[in-house]
Amino acid sequence: IYQSQYAPFLRLLSGVPILDTDHTPYFQPLAHYLLKWIW
């Protein structure tokens, strides 16, 4: 959970399963890296 003013609301997603059959553990860090760079 990347810190933001929205982080407290994300606890509501704690019971939602994450399906990562097609990915490495680096997908989320990569998404953040690219979002940050392009921003």
PDB file of all heavy atoms in Angstrom:
ATOM      1  N   ILE A   1       0.864  -1.177   0.000  1.00  0.00           N
ATOM      2  CA  ILE A   1       0.000   0.000   0.000  1.00  0.00           C
ATOM      3  C   ILE A   1       0.901   1.227   0.000  1.00  0.00           C
ATOM      4  O   ILE A   1       1.605   1.501   0.971  1.00  0.00           O
ATOM      5  CB  ILE A   1      -0.947   0.017   1.218  1.00  0.00           C
ATOM      6  CG1 ILE A   1      -1.934  -1.148   1.137  1.00  0.00           C
ATOM      7  CG2 ILE A   1      -1.701   1.348   1.288  1.00  0.00           C
ATOM      8  CD1 ILE A   1      -2.920  -1.215   2.281  1.00  0.00           C
ATOM      9  N   TYR A   2       0.932   1.933  -1.109  1.00  0.00           N
ATOM     10  CA  TYR A   2       1.738   3.147  -1.222  1.00  0.00           C
ATOM     11  C   TYR A   2       1.005   4.264  -0.496  1.00  0.00           C
ATOM     12  O   TYR A   2      -0.178   4.500  -0.703  1.00  0.00           O
ATOM     13  CB  TYR A   2       1.958   3.484  -2.694  1.00  0.00           C
ATOM     14  CG  TYR A   2       2.724   2.417  -3.428  1.00  0.00           C
ATOM     15  CD1 TYR A   2       2.078   1.402  -4.116  1.00  0.00           C
ATOM     16  CD2 TYR A   2       4.122   2.416  -3.389  1.00  0.00           C
ATOM     17  CE1 TYR A   2       2.796   0.415  -4.774  1.00  0.00           C
ATOM     18  CE2 TYR A   2       4.844   1.433  -4.041  1.00  0.00           C
ATOM     19  CZ  TYR A   2       4.173   0.430  -4.741  1.00  0.00           C
ATOM     20  OH  TYR A   2       4.885  -0.545  -5.381  1.00  0.00           O
ATOM     21  N   GLN A   3       1.701   4.942   0.379  1.00  0.00           N
ATOM     22  CA  GLN A   3       1.072   5.880   1.286  1.00  0.00           C
ATOM     23  C   GLN A   3       0.444   7.073   0.564  1.00  0.00           C
ATOM     24  O   GLN A   3       1.055   7.699  -0.297  1.00  0.00           O
ATOM     25  CB  GLN A   3       2.084   6.364   2.325  1.00  0.00           C
ATOM     26  CG  GLN A   3       2.478   5.286   3.320  1.00  0.00           C
ATOM     27  CD  GLN A   3       1.266   4.703   4.029  1.00  0.00           C
ATOM     28  OE1 GLN A   3       0.433   5.426   4.572  1.00  0.00           O
ATOM     29  NE2 GLN A   3       1.156   3.388   4.031  1.00  0.00           N
ATOM     30  N   SER A   4      -0.786   7.363   0.940  1.00  0.00           N
ATOM     31  CA  SER A   4      -1.510   8.508   0.413  1.00  0.00           C
ATOM     32  C   SER A   4      -2.680   8.787   1.333  1.00  0.00           C
ATOM     33  O   SER A   4      -2.947   8.025   2.270  1.00  0.00           O
ATOM     34  CB  SER A   4      -2.025   8.226  -1.005  1.00  0.00           C
ATOM     35  OG  SER A   4      -3.101   7.302  -0.961  1.00  0.00           O
ATOM     36  N   GLN A   5      -3.394   9.868   1.057  1.00  0.00           N
ATOM     37  CA  GLN A   5      -4.569  10.189   1.868  1.00  0.00           C
ATOM     38  C   GLN A   5      -5.655   9.125   1.705  1.00  0.00           C
ATOM     39  O   GLN A   5      -6.581   9.047   2.506  1.00  0.00           O
ATOM     40  CB  GLN A   5      -5.114  11.554   1.461  1.00  0.00           C
ATOM     41  CG  GLN A   5      -5.600  11.618   0.009  1.00  0.00           C
ATOM     42  CD  GLN A   5      -6.243  12.947  -0.326  1.00  0.00           C
ATOM     43  OE1 GLN A   5      -7.101  13.430   0.403  1.00  0.00           O
ATOM     44  NE2 GLN A   5      -5.814  13.541  -1.436  1.00  0.00           N
ATOM     45  N   TYR A   6      -5.520   8.302   0.647  1.00  0.00           N
ATOM     46  CA  TYR A   6      -6.533   7.281   0.376  1.00  0.00           C
ATOM     47  C   TYR A   6      -6.239   5.961   1.075  1.00  0.00           C
ATOM     48  O   TYR A   6      -7.079   5.066   1.088  1.00  0.00           O
ATOM     49  CB  TYR A   6      -6.620   7.027  -1.136  1.00  0.00           C
ATOM     50  CG  TYR A   6      -6.859   8.271  -1.946  1.00  0.00           C
ATOM     51  CD1 TYR A   6      -5.812   8.900  -2.612  1.00  0.00           C
ATOM     52  CD2 TYR A   6      -8.128   8.840  -2.033  1.00  0.00           C
ATOM     53  CE1 TYR A   6      -6.013  10.054  -3.352  1.00  0.00           C
ATOM     54  CE2 TYR A   6      -8.340   9.999  -2.770  1.00  0.00           C
ATOM     55  CZ  TYR A   6      -7.280  10.596  -3.429  1.00  0.00           C
ATOM     56  OH  TYR A   6      -7.498  11.734  -4.154  1.00  0.00           O
ATOM     57  N   ALA A   7      -5.048   5.825   1.652  1.00  0.00           N
ATOM     58  CA  ALA A   7      -4.633   4.545   2.232  1.00  0.00           C
ATOM     59  C   ALA A   7      -5.617   3.979   3.261  1.00  0.00           C
ATOM     60  O   ALA A   7      -5.871   2.767   3.262  1.00  0.00           O
ATOM     61  CB  ALA A   7      -3.236   4.683   2.836  1.00  0.00           C
ATOM     62  N   PRO A   8      -6.186   4.804   4.152  1.00  0.00           N
ATOM     63  CA  PRO A   8      -7.114   4.226   5.138  1.00  0.00           C
ATOM     64  C   PRO A   8      -8.311   3.500   4.517  1.00  0.00           C
ATOM     65  O   PRO A   8      -8.823   2.535   5.092  1.00  0.00           O
ATOM     66  CB  PRO A   8      -7.568   5.447   5.945  1.00  0.00           C
ATOM     67  CG  PRO A   8      -6.452   6.425   5.803  1.00  0.00           C
ATOM     68  CD  PRO A   8      -5.954   6.230   4.403  1.00  0.00           C
ATOM     69  N   PHE A   9      -8.749   3.943   3.343  1.00  0.00           N
ATOM     70  CA  PHE A   9      -9.905   3.309   2.712  1.00  0.00           C
ATOM     71  C   PHE A   9      -9.570   1.931   2.135  1.00  0.00           C
ATOM     72  O   PHE A   9     -10.452   1.107   1.926  1.00  0.00           O
ATOM     73  CB  PHE A   9     -10.449   4.201   1.588  1.00  0.00           C
ATOM     74  CG  PHE A   9     -10.898   5.552   2.047  1.00  0.00           C
ATOM     75  CD1 PHE A   9     -10.192   6.686   1.703  1.00  0.00           C
ATOM     76  CD2 PHE A   9     -12.031   5.694   2.846  1.00  0.00           C
ATOM     77  CE1 PHE A   9     -10.599   7.945   2.129  1.00  0.00           C
ATOM     78  CE2 PHE A   9     -12.449   6.949   3.281  1.00  0.00           C
ATOM     79  CZ  PHE A   9     -11.730   8.072   2.925  1.00  0.00           C
ATOM     80  N   LEU A  10      -8.287   1.690   1.889  1.00  0.00           N
ATOM     81  CA  LEU A  10      -7.895   0.456   1.218  1.00  0.00           C
ATOM     82  C   LEU A  10      -8.019  -0.765   2.113  1.00  0.00           C
ATOM     83  O   LEU A  10      -7.937  -1.894   1.648  1.00  0.00           O
ATOM     84  CB  LEU A  10      -6.469   0.591   0.669  1.00  0.00           C
ATOM     85  CG  LEU A  10      -6.327   1.688  -0.393  1.00  0.00           C
ATOM     86  CD1 LEU A  10      -4.872   1.846  -0.800  1.00  0.00           C
ATOM     87  CD2 LEU A  10      -7.181   1.380  -1.618  1.00  0.00           C
ATOM     88  N   ARG A  11      -8.240  -0.551   3.413  1.00  0.00           N
ATOM     89  CA  ARG A  11      -8.484  -1.696   4.296  1.00  0.00           C
ATOM     90  C   ARG A  11      -9.737  -2.442   3.870  1.00  0.00           C
ATOM     91  O   ARG A  11      -9.894  -3.637   4.175  1.00  0.00           O
ATOM     92  CB  ARG A  11      -8.611  -1.233   5.750  1.00  0.00           C
ATOM     93  CG  ARG A  11      -9.884  -0.432   6.042  1.00  0.00           C
ATOM     94  CD  ARG A  11      -9.933   0.076   7.466  1.00  0.00           C
ATOM     95  NE  ARG A  11     -11.213   0.691   7.795  1.00  0.00           N
ATOM     96  CZ  ARG A  11     -11.550   1.934   7.478  1.00  0.00           C
ATOM     97  NH1 ARG A  11     -10.698   2.697   6.819  1.00  0.00           N
ATOM     98  NH2 ARG A  11     -12.733   2.427   7.812  1.00  0.00           N
ATOM     99  N   LEU A  12     -10.631  -1.759   3.195  1.00  0.00           N
ATOM    100  CA  LEU A  12     -11.859  -2.395   2.729  1.00  0.00           C
ATOM    101  C   LEU A  12     -11.580  -3.455   1.669  1.00  0.00           C
ATOM    102  O   LEU A  12     -12.423  -4.313   1.398  1.00  0.00           O
ATOM    103  CB  LEU A  12     -12.818  -1.347   2.164  1.00  0.00           C
ATOM    104  CG  LEU A  12     -13.316  -0.294   3.155  1.00  0.00           C
ATOM    105  CD1 LEU A  12     -14.085   0.801   2.428  1.00  0.00           C
ATOM    106  CD2 LEU A  12     -14.202  -0.932   4.219  1.00  0.00           C
ATOM    107  N   LEU A  13     -10.386  -3.411   1.084  1.00  0.00           N
ATOM    108  CA  LEU A  13     -10.021  -4.382   0.059  1.00  0.00           C
ATOM    109  C   LEU A  13      -9.217  -5.556   0.630  1.00  0.00           C
ATOM    110  O   LEU A  13      -8.791  -6.428  -0.123  1.00  0.00           O
ATOM    111  CB  LEU A  13      -9.187  -3.703  -1.033  1.00  0.00           C
ATOM    112  CG  LEU A  13      -9.938  -2.735  -1.946  1.00  0.00           C
ATOM    113  CD1 LEU A  13      -8.945  -1.944  -2.782  1.00  0.00           C
ATOM    114  CD2 LEU A  13     -10.899  -3.493  -2.846  1.00  0.00           C
ATOM    115  N   SER A  14      -9.029  -5.575   1.935  1.00  0.00           N
ATOM    116  CA  SER A  14      -8.158  -6.596   2.532  1.00  0.00           C
ATOM    117  C   SER A  14      -8.636  -8.018   2.279  1.00  0.00           C
ATOM    118  O   SER A  14      -7.838  -8.952   2.248  1.00  0.00           O
ATOM    119  CB  SER A  14      -8.030  -6.353   4.044  1.00  0.00           C
ATOM    120  OG  SER A  14      -9.313  -6.423   4.672  1.00  0.00           O
ATOM    121  N   GLY A  15      -9.937  -8.197   2.087  1.00  0.00           N
ATOM    122  CA  GLY A  15     -10.459  -9.546   1.860  1.00  0.00           C
ATOM    123  C   GLY A  15     -10.577  -9.914   0.396  1.00  0.00           C
ATOM    124  O   GLY A  15     -11.019 -11.026   0.058  1.00  0.00           O
ATOM    125  N   VAL A  16     -10.172  -9.009  -0.481  1.00  0.00           N
ATOM    126  CA  VAL A  16     -10.288  -9.267  -1.920  1.00  0.00           C
ATOM    127  C   VAL A  16      -9.060 -10.034  -2.391  1.00  0.00           C
ATOM    128  O   VAL A  16      -7.927  -9.589  -2.186  1.00  0.00           O
ATOM    129  CB  VAL A  16     -10.413  -7.946  -2.708  1.00  0.00           C
ATOM    130  CG1 VAL A  16     -10.482  -8.231  -4.207  1.00  0.00           C
ATOM    131  CG2 VAL A  16     -11.638  -7.173  -2.245  1.00  0.00           C
ATOM    132  N   PRO A  17      -9.236 -11.201  -3.008  1.00  0.00           N
ATOM    133  CA  PRO A  17      -8.080 -11.991  -3.445  1.00  0.00           C
ATOM    134  C   PRO A  17      -7.354 -11.325  -4.605  1.00  0.00           C
ATOM    135  O   PRO A  17      -7.965 -10.691  -5.462  1.00  0.00           O
ATOM    136  CB  PRO A  17      -8.708 -13.324  -3.890  1.00  0.00           C
ATOM    137  CG  PRO A  17     -10.107 -12.950  -4.300  1.00  0.00           C
ATOM    138  CD  PRO A  17     -10.518 -11.848  -3.354  1.00  0.00           C
ATOM    139  N   ILE A  18      -6.040 -11.449  -4.596  1.00  0.00           N
ATOM    140  CA  ILE A  18      -5.214 -10.912  -5.673  1.00  0.00           C
ATOM    141  C   ILE A  18      -4.800 -12.071  -6.564  1.00  0.00           C
ATOM    142  O   ILE A  18      -4.235 -13.055  -6.099  1.00  0.00           O
ATOM    143  CB  ILE A  18      -3.971 -10.200  -5.116  1.00  0.00           C
ATOM    144  CG1 ILE A  18      -4.387  -8.992  -4.263  1.00  0.00           C
ATOM    145  CG2 ILE A  18      -3.037  -9.764  -6.239  1.00  0.00           C
ATOM    146  CD1 ILE A  18      -3.249  -8.364  -3.502  1.00  0.00           C
ATOM    147  N   LEU A  19      -5.091 -11.954  -7.834  1.00  0.00           N
ATOM    148  CA  LEU A  19      -4.751 -13.004  -8.779  1.00  0.00           C
ATOM    149  C   LEU A  19      -3.559 -12.548  -9.603  1.00  0.00           C
ATOM    150  O   LEU A  19      -3.640 -11.564 -10.336  1.00  0.00           O
ATOM    151  CB  LEU A  19      -5.945 -13.296  -9.691  1.00  0.00           C
ATOM    152  CG  LEU A  19      -6.028 -14.696 -10.291  1.00  0.00           C
ATOM    153  CD1 LEU A  19      -6.230 -15.730  -9.180  1.00  0.00           C
ATOM    154  CD2 LEU A  19      -7.163 -14.795 -11.291  1.00  0.00           C
ATOM    155  N   ASP A  20      -2.427 -13.245  -9.451  1.00  0.00           N
ATOM    156  CA  ASP A  20      -1.218 -12.826 -10.166  1.00  0.00           C
ATOM    157  C   ASP A  20      -0.604 -13.987 -10.932  1.00  0.00           C
ATOM    158  O   ASP A  20       0.604 -14.185 -10.936  1.00  0.00           O
ATOM    159  CB  ASP A  20      -0.201 -12.220  -9.195  1.00  0.00           C
ATOM    160  CG  ASP A  20       0.164 -13.168  -8.060  1.00  0.00           C
ATOM    161  OD1 ASP A  20      -0.373 -14.286  -8.027  1.00  0.00           O
ATOM    162  OD2 ASP A  20       1.009 -12.797  -7.227  1.00  0.00           O
ATOM    163  N   THR A  21      -1.459 -14.746 -11.596  1.00  0.00           N
ATOM    164  CA  THR A  21      -0.995 -15.933 -12.311  1.00  0.00           C
ATOM    165  C   THR A  21      -0.021 -15.599 -13.434  1.00  0.00           C
ATOM    166  O   THR A  21       0.785 -16.446 -13.830  1.00  0.00           O
ATOM    167  CB  THR A  21      -2.189 -16.690 -12.922  1.00  0.00           C
ATOM    168  OG1 THR A  21      -2.912 -15.804 -13.792  1.00  0.00           O
ATOM    169  CG2 THR A  21      -3.121 -17.197 -11.847  1.00  0.00           C
ATOM    170  N   ASP A  22      -0.076 -14.409 -13.971  1.00  0.00           N
ATOM    171  CA  ASP A  22       0.730 -14.056 -15.137  1.00  0.00           C
ATOM    172  C   ASP A  22       1.896 -13.137 -14.809  1.00  0.00           C
ATOM    173  O   ASP A  22       2.540 -12.623 -15.725  1.00  0.00           O
ATOM    174  CB  ASP A  22      -0.149 -13.370 -16.192  1.00  0.00           C
ATOM    175  CG  ASP A  22      -1.209 -14.299 -16.750  1.00  0.00           C
ATOM    176  OD1 ASP A  22      -1.013 -15.516 -16.678  1.00  0.00           O
ATOM    177  OD2 ASP A  22      -2.222 -13.802 -17.255  1.00  0.00           O
ATOM    178  N   HIS A  23       2.165 -12.920 -13.529  1.00  0.00           N
ATOM    179  CA  HIS A  23       3.131 -11.886 -13.174  1.00  0.00           C
ATOM    180  C   HIS A  23       4.210 -12.344 -12.208  1.00  0.00           C
ATOM    181  O   HIS A  23       4.081 -13.375 -11.542  1.00  0.00           O
ATOM    182  CB  HIS A  23       2.397 -10.685 -12.583  1.00  0.00           C
ATOM    183  CG  HIS A  23       1.632  -9.903 -13.602  1.00  0.00           C
ATOM    184  ND1 HIS A  23       2.252  -9.133 -14.553  1.00  0.00           N
ATOM    185  CD2 HIS A  23       0.303  -9.794 -13.847  1.00  0.00           C
ATOM    186  CE1 HIS A  23       1.341  -8.586 -15.339  1.00  0.00           C
ATOM    187  NE2 HIS A  23       0.148  -8.972 -14.936  1.00  0.00           N
ATOM    188  N   THR A  24       5.257 -11.541 -12.148  1.00  0.00           N
ATOM    189  CA  THR A  24       6.326 -11.720 -11.175  1.00  0.00           C
ATOM    190  C   THR A  24       5.992 -10.865  -9.952  1.00  0.00           C
ATOM    191  O   THR A  24       5.065 -10.042 -10.003  1.00  0.00           O
ATOM    192  CB  THR A  24       7.684 -11.259 -11.748  1.00  0.00           C
ATOM    193  OG1 THR A  24       7.710  -9.815 -11.768  1.00  0.00           O
ATOM    194  CG2 THR A  24       7.898 -11.796 -13.169  1.00  0.00           C
ATOM    195  N   PRO A  25       6.748 -10.991  -8.862  1.00  0.00           N
ATOM    196  CA  PRO A  25       6.511 -10.118  -7.689  1.00  0.00           C
ATOM    197  C   PRO A  25       6.847  -8.655  -7.953  1.00  0.00           C
ATOM    198  O   PRO A  25       6.608  -7.803  -7.098  1.00  0.00           O
ATOM    199  CB  PRO A  25       7.456 -10.703  -6.627  1.00  0.00           C
ATOM    200  CG  PRO A  25       7.755 -12.081  -7.079  1.00  0.00           C
ATOM    201  CD  PRO A  25       7.730 -12.042  -8.574  1.00  0.00           C
ATOM    202  N   TYR A  26       7.381  -8.366  -9.139  1.00  0.00           N
ATOM    203  CA  TYR A  26       7.823  -7.007  -9.440  1.00  0.00           C
ATOM    204  C   TYR A  26       6.784  -6.189 -10.189  1.00  0.00           C
ATOM    205  O   TYR A  26       7.038  -5.015 -10.489  1.00  0.00           O
ATOM    206  CB  TYR A  26       9.116  -7.049 -10.253  1.00  0.00           C
ATOM    207  CG  TYR A  26      10.280  -7.626  -9.487  1.00  0.00           C
ATOM    208  CD1 TYR A  26      10.578  -8.979  -9.578  1.00  0.00           C
ATOM    209  CD2 TYR A  26      11.061  -6.825  -8.658  1.00  0.00           C
ATOM    210  CE1 TYR A  26      11.640  -9.522  -8.864  1.00  0.00           C
ATOM    211  CE2 TYR A  26      12.121  -7.362  -7.935  1.00  0.00           C
ATOM    212  CZ  TYR A  26      12.404  -8.708  -8.044  1.00  0.00           C
ATOM    213  OH  TYR A  26      13.444  -9.237  -7.327  1.00  0.00           O
ATOM    214  N   PHE A  27       5.638  -6.775 -10.500  1.00  0.00           N
ATOM    215  CA  PHE A  27       4.657  -6.019 -11.272  1.00  0.00           C
ATOM    216  C   PHE A  27       4.237  -4.730 -10.582  1.00  0.00           C
ATOM    217  O   PHE A  27       4.236  -3.649 -11.189  1.00  0.00           O
ATOM    218  CB  PHE A  27       3.407  -6.863 -11.564  1.00  0.00           C
ATOM    219  CG  PHE A  27       2.246  -6.037 -12.038  1.00  0.00           C
ATOM    220  CD1 PHE A  27       2.291  -5.408 -13.271  1.00  0.00           C
ATOM    221  CD2 PHE A  27       1.130  -5.838 -11.236  1.00  0.00           C
ATOM    222  CE1 PHE A  27       1.236  -4.600 -13.711  1.00  0.00           C
ATOM    223  CE2 PHE A  27       0.074  -5.040 -11.663  1.00  0.00           C
ATOM    224  CZ  PHE A  27       0.128  -4.430 -12.900  1.00  0.00           C
ATOM    225  N   GLN A  28       3.853  -4.815  -9.320  1.00  0.00           N
ATOM    226  CA  GLN A  28       3.383  -3.611  -8.635  1.00  0.00           C
ATOM    227  C   GLN A  28       4.488  -2.558  -8.479  1.00  0.00           C
ATOM    228  O   GLN A  28       4.243  -1.375  -8.761  1.00  0.00           O
ATOM    229  CB  GLN A  28       2.779  -3.965  -7.274  1.00  0.00           C
ATOM    230  CG  GLN A  28       1.986  -2.821  -6.662  1.00  0.00           C
ATOM    231  CD  GLN A  28       1.384  -3.174  -5.316  1.00  0.00           C
ATOM    232  OE1 GLN A  28       1.807  -4.127  -4.669  1.00  0.00           O
ATOM    233  NE2 GLN A  28       0.400  -2.405  -4.888  1.00  0.00           N
ATOM    234  N   PRO A  29       5.719  -2.938  -8.077  1.00  0.00           N
ATOM    235  CA  PRO A  29       6.789  -1.931  -8.064  1.00  0.00           C
ATOM    236  C   PRO A  29       7.050  -1.323  -9.437  1.00  0.00           C
ATOM    237  O   PRO A  29       7.349  -0.133  -9.534  1.00  0.00           O
ATOM    238  CB  PRO A  29       8.005  -2.728  -7.567  1.00  0.00           C
ATOM    239  CG  PRO A  29       7.423  -3.837  -6.765  1.00  0.00           C
ATOM    240  CD  PRO A  29       6.147  -4.207  -7.459  1.00  0.00           C
ATOM    241  N   LEU A  30       6.924  -2.120 -10.495  1.00  0.00           N
ATOM    242  CA  LEU A  30       7.118  -1.581 -11.842  1.00  0.00           C
ATOM    243  C   LEU A  30       6.020  -0.584 -12.183  1.00  0.00           C
ATOM    244  O   LEU A  30       6.289   0.477 -12.753  1.00  0.00           O
ATOM    245  CB  LEU A  30       7.137  -2.715 -12.864  1.00  0.00           C
ATOM    246  CG  LEU A  30       7.223  -2.261 -14.331  1.00  0.00           C
ATOM    247  CD1 LEU A  30       8.515  -1.489 -14.588  1.00  0.00           C
ATOM    248  CD2 LEU A  30       7.104  -3.449 -15.271  1.00  0.00           C
ATOM    249  N   ALA A  31       4.768  -0.919 -11.851  1.00  0.00           N
ATOM    250  CA  ALA A  31       3.662   0.004 -12.120  1.00  0.00           C
ATOM    251  C   ALA A  31       3.909   1.334 -11.411  1.00  0.00           C
ATOM    252  O   ALA A  31       3.720   2.407 -12.006  1.00  0.00           O
ATOM    253  CB  ALA A  31       2.337  -0.617 -11.661  1.00  0.00           C
ATOM    254  N   HIS A  32       4.358   1.279 -10.160  1.00  0.00           N
ATOM    255  CA  HIS A  32       4.628   2.511  -9.425  1.00  0.00           C
ATOM    256  C   HIS A  32       5.796   3.266 -10.044  1.00  0.00           C
ATOM    257  O   HIS A  32       5.750   4.503 -10.201  1.00  0.00           O
ATOM    258  CB  HIS A  32       4.935   2.204  -7.956  1.00  0.00           C
ATOM    259  CG  HIS A  32       5.150   3.430  -7.125  1.00  0.00           C
ATOM    260  ND1 HIS A  32       6.404   3.897  -6.789  1.00  0.00           N
ATOM    261  CD2 HIS A  32       4.271   4.310  -6.573  1.00  0.00           C
ATOM    262  CE1 HIS A  32       6.291   4.995  -6.064  1.00  0.00           C
ATOM    263  NE2 HIS A  32       5.018   5.274  -5.920  1.00  0.00           N
ATOM    264  N   TYR A  33       6.827   2.560 -10.424  1.00  0.00           N
ATOM    265  CA  TYR A  33       8.017   3.176 -11.031  1.00  0.00           C
ATOM    266  C   TYR A  33       7.643   3.928 -12.307  1.00  0.00           C
ATOM    267  O   TYR A  33       8.060   5.075 -12.510  1.00  0.00           O
ATOM    268  CB  TYR A  33       9.034   2.080 -11.330  1.00  0.00           C
ATOM    269  CG  TYR A  33      10.327   2.560 -11.942  1.00  0.00           C
ATOM    270  CD1 TYR A  33      11.360   3.054 -11.143  1.00  0.00           C
ATOM    271  CD2 TYR A  33      10.533   2.510 -13.322  1.00  0.00           C
ATOM    272  CE1 TYR A  33      12.557   3.487 -11.703  1.00  0.00           C
ATOM    273  CE2 TYR A  33      11.714   2.942 -13.888  1.00  0.00           C
ATOM    274  CZ  TYR A  33      12.726   3.428 -13.077  1.00  0.00           C
ATOM    275  OH  TYR A  33      13.906   3.858 -13.631  1.00  0.00           O
ATOM    276  N   LEU A  34       6.863   3.290 -13.165  1.00  0.00           N
ATOM    277  CA  LEU A  34       6.480   3.929 -14.428  1.00  0.00           C
ATOM    278  C   LEU A  34       5.502   5.080 -14.205  1.00  0.00           C
ATOM    279  O   LEU A  34       5.603   6.124 -14.860  1.00  0.00           O
ATOM    280  CB  LEU A  34       5.870   2.893 -15.376  1.00  0.00           C
ATOM    281  CG  LEU A  34       6.837   1.847 -15.935  1.00  0.00           C
ATOM    282  CD1 LEU A  34       6.091   0.865 -16.830  1.00  0.00           C
ATOM    283  CD2 LEU A  34       7.978   2.509 -16.715  1.00  0.00           C
ATOM    284  N   LEU A  35       4.546   4.901 -13.299  1.00  0.00           N
ATOM    285  CA  LEU A  35       3.616   5.989 -12.990  1.00  0.00           C
ATOM    286  C   LEU A  35       4.372   7.220 -12.479  1.00  0.00           C
ATOM    287  O   LEU A  35       4.109   8.351 -12.902  1.00  0.00           O
ATOM    288  CB  LEU A  35       2.586   5.530 -11.950  1.00  0.00           C
ATOM    289  CG  LEU A  35       1.455   4.625 -12.446  1.00  0.00           C
ATOM    290  CD1 LEU A  35       0.770   3.939 -11.274  1.00  0.00           C
ATOM    291  CD2 LEU A  35       0.431   5.431 -13.255  1.00  0.00           C
ATOM    292  N   LYS A  36       5.313   6.968 -11.595  1.00  0.00           N
ATOM    293  CA  LYS A  36       6.084   8.071 -11.019  1.00  0.00           C
ATOM    294  C   LYS A  36       6.929   8.758 -12.098  1.00  0.00           C
ATOM    295  O   LYS A  36       6.948   9.996 -12.186  1.00  0.00           O
ATOM    296  CB  LYS A  36       6.981   7.535  -9.905  1.00  0.00           C
ATOM    297  CG  LYS A  36       7.827   8.594  -9.219  1.00  0.00           C
ATOM    298  CD  LYS A  36       8.710   7.966  -8.137  1.00  0.00           C
ATOM    299  CE  LYS A  36       9.653   8.998  -7.534  1.00  0.00           C
ATOM    300  NZ  LYS A  36      10.571   8.381  -6.543  1.00  0.00           N
ATOM    301  N   TRP A  37       7.598   7.972 -12.929  1.00  0.00           N
ATOM    302  CA  TRP A  37       8.447   8.545 -13.976  1.00  0.00           C
ATOM    303  C   TRP A  37       7.625   9.367 -14.968  1.00  0.00           C
ATOM    304  O   TRP A  37       7.987  10.485 -15.322  1.00  0.00           O
ATOM    305  CB  TRP A  37       9.195   7.432 -14.703  1.00  0.00           C
ATOM    306  CG  TRP A  37       9.869   7.850 -15.979  1.00  0.00           C
ATOM    307  CD1 TRP A  37       9.560   7.448 -17.245  1.00  0.00           C
ATOM    308  CD2 TRP A  37      10.962   8.762 -16.115  1.00  0.00           C
ATOM    309  NE1 TRP A  37      10.380   8.039 -18.158  1.00  0.00           N
ATOM    310  CE2 TRP A  37      11.253   8.867 -17.501  1.00  0.00           C
ATOM    311  CE3 TRP A  37      11.715   9.519 -15.215  1.00  0.00           C
ATOM    312  CZ2 TRP A  37      12.266   9.675 -18.003  1.00  0.00           C
ATOM    313  CZ3 TRP A  37      12.722  10.334 -15.713  1.00  0.00           C
ATOM    314  CH2 TRP A  37      13.000  10.410 -17.076  1.00  0.00           C
ATOM    315  N   ILE A  38       6.515   8.810 -15.400  1.00  0.00           N
ATOM    316  CA  ILE A  38       5.700   9.500 -16.403  1.00  0.00           C
ATOM    317  C   ILE A  38       5.019  10.720 -15.792  1.00  0.00           C
ATOM    318  O   ILE A  38       4.816  11.733 -16.465  1.00  0.00           O
ATOM    319  CB  ILE A  38       4.715   8.499 -17.045  1.00  0.00           C
ATOM    320  CG1 ILE A  38       5.526   7.542 -17.941  1.00  0.00           C
ATOM    321  CG2 ILE A  38       3.624   9.195 -17.845  1.00  0.00           C
ATOM    322  CD1 ILE A  38       4.771   6.373 -18.477  1.00  0.00           C
ATOM    323  N   TRP A  39       4.701  10.660 -14.514  1.00  0.00           N
ATOM    324  CA  TRP A  39       4.190  11.844 -13.810  1.00  0.00           C
ATOM    325  C   TRP A  39       5.275  12.929 -13.765  1.00  0.00           C
ATOM    326  O   TRP A  39       4.992  14.113 -14.011  1.00  0.00           O
ATOM    327  CB  TRP A  39       3.767  11.455 -12.396  1.00  0.00           C
ATOM    328  CG  TRP A  39       3.285  12.591 -11.555  1.00  0.00           C
ATOM    329  CD1 TRP A  39       2.054  13.193 -11.603  1.00  0.00           C
ATOM    330  CD2 TRP A  39       4.018  13.269 -10.521  1.00  0.00           C
ATOM    331  NE1 TRP A  39       1.976  14.202 -10.657  1.00  0.00           N
ATOM    332  CE2 TRP A  39       3.163  14.270  -9.980  1.00  0.00           C
ATOM    333  CE3 TRP A  39       5.287  13.123  -9.994  1.00  0.00           C
ATOM    334  CZ2 TRP A  39       3.565  15.113  -8.950  1.00  0.00           C
ATOM    335  CZ3 TRP A  39       5.693  13.963  -8.971  1.00  0.00           C
ATOM    336  CH2 TRP A  39       4.834  14.950  -8.459  1.00  0.00           C
TER     337      TRP A  39
END
